[in-house]
């Protein structure tokens, strides 16, 4: 049985800002395609929540955070009761290691 992938308010905010940025740089169709591809890539966590690596920051790793890289983006998530909870979504060029 497949689990669920849930998104925190912060992660949803990151996706909204990413969509707005992509619309400003390209167009709405491209933005939605990129977001759809990103969400599809993260969806593997529904079935395999431990597929991502332990977060490289020892403090965040100690709190249970994991990462899943999808192209130019990284999802930072927790596994709670067997379900993946996406905490944040960052572009790999940002300082995503500290989650600030």
Protein backbone atom coordinates (compact mmCIF):
# COMPACT_ATOMS: atom_id res chain seq x y z
CA UNK A 1 0.00 0.00 0.00
CA UNK A 2 1.36 3.37 -0.99
CA UNK A 3 1.85 6.04 1.62
CA UNK A 4 1.36 9.74 1.19
CA UNK A 5 3.61 12.63 0.50
CA UNK A 6 2.60 15.71 2.42
CA UNK A 7 3.88 19.27 2.01
CA UNK A 8 4.41 21.79 4.79
CA UNK A 9 3.19 25.36 4.39
CA UNK A 10 6.81 26.42 3.94
CA UNK A 11 7.37 23.89 1.13
CA UNK A 12 4.17 25.00 -0.60
CA UNK A 13 5.35 28.61 -0.30
CA UNK A 14 8.66 27.66 -1.89
CA UNK A 15 6.81 26.01 -4.79
CA UNK A 16 4.59 29.09 -5.23
CA UNK A 17 7.63 31.39 -5.33
CA UNK A 18 9.38 29.05 -7.74
CA UNK A 19 6.32 29.07 -10.01
CA UNK A 20 6.20 32.88 -9.96
CA UNK A 21 9.91 33.08 -10.74
CA UNK A 22 9.62 30.65 -13.64
CA UNK A 23 6.65 32.57 -15.07
CA UNK A 24 8.70 35.77 -14.90
CA UNK A 25 11.67 34.12 -16.65
CA UNK A 26 9.81 32.03 -19.23
CA UNK A 27 6.03 31.65 -19.36
CA UNK A 28 3.20 30.05 -17.43
CA UNK A 29 3.19 26.84 -19.46
CA UNK A 30 6.90 26.28 -18.86
CA UNK A 31 6.54 27.08 -15.18
CA UNK A 32 3.76 24.55 -14.71
CA UNK A 33 5.67 21.91 -16.65
CA UNK A 34 8.74 22.34 -14.43
CA UNK A 35 6.65 22.25 -11.25
CA UNK A 36 4.73 19.18 -12.45
CA UNK A 37 8.00 17.39 -13.23
CA UNK A 38 9.38 18.33 -9.82
CA UNK A 39 6.26 17.10 -8.00
CA UNK A 40 6.34 13.88 -10.04
CA UNK A 41 9.97 13.32 -9.04
CA UNK A 42 9.14 13.84 -5.36
CA UNK A 43 6.17 11.48 -5.59
CA UNK A 44 8.50 8.47 -5.27
CA UNK A 45 8.61 9.32 -1.58
CA UNK A 46 5.01 8.12 -1.30
CA UNK A 47 6.13 4.56 -1.90
CA UNK A 48 9.73 4.75 -0.70
CA UNK A 49 10.11 7.47 1.93
CA UNK A 50 13.64 6.39 2.85
CA UNK A 51 14.99 6.57 -0.71
CA UNK A 52 16.52 9.99 -0.10
CA UNK A 53 19.84 10.50 1.64
CA UNK A 54 20.26 11.59 5.23
CA UNK A 55 20.67 15.38 5.31
CA UNK A 56 24.39 16.29 5.13
CA UNK A 57 24.10 18.81 7.97
CA UNK A 58 24.69 16.82 11.19
CA UNK A 59 22.23 18.90 13.23
CA UNK A 60 19.43 18.49 10.68
CA UNK A 61 20.33 14.82 10.17
CA UNK A 62 20.05 14.36 13.93
CA UNK A 63 16.53 15.77 13.73
CA UNK A 64 15.67 13.19 11.06
CA UNK A 65 15.82 15.35 7.94
CA UNK A 66 16.54 13.68 4.62
CA UNK A 67 17.02 15.07 1.10
CA UNK A 68 15.92 14.07 -2.37
CA UNK A 69 17.59 15.78 -5.32
CA UNK A 70 15.43 16.22 -8.41
CA UNK A 71 17.31 17.92 -11.22
CA UNK A 72 18.23 21.43 -10.09
CA UNK A 73 16.09 21.22 -6.96
CA UNK A 74 16.38 19.54 -3.61
CA UNK A 75 13.51 18.53 -1.38
CA UNK A 76 14.21 18.48 2.34
CA UNK A 77 11.85 16.18 4.18
CA UNK A 78 11.12 14.12 7.26
CA UNK A 79 9.65 10.65 7.56
CA UNK A 80 6.96 10.59 10.24
CA UNK A 81 5.05 7.40 10.93
CA UNK A 82 6.17 5.99 7.58
CA UNK A 83 5.00 9.04 5.59
CA UNK A 84 7.20 11.63 3.90
CA UNK A 85 6.62 15.24 4.93
CA UNK A 86 8.27 17.73 2.57
CA UNK A 87 9.58 20.56 4.72
CA UNK A 88 11.19 22.72 2.04
CA UNK A 89 12.12 22.86 -1.63
CA UNK A 90 15.24 24.71 -2.75
CA UNK A 91 17.19 25.35 -5.92
CA UNK A 92 20.56 23.64 -5.61
CA UNK A 93 22.34 26.97 -6.14
CA UNK A 94 20.87 28.38 -2.91
CA UNK A 95 22.17 27.78 0.60
CA UNK A 96 19.76 24.90 1.17
CA UNK A 97 22.07 23.13 3.62
CA UNK A 98 21.06 25.43 6.45
CA UNK A 99 17.38 25.59 5.48
CA UNK A 100 17.32 29.36 5.90
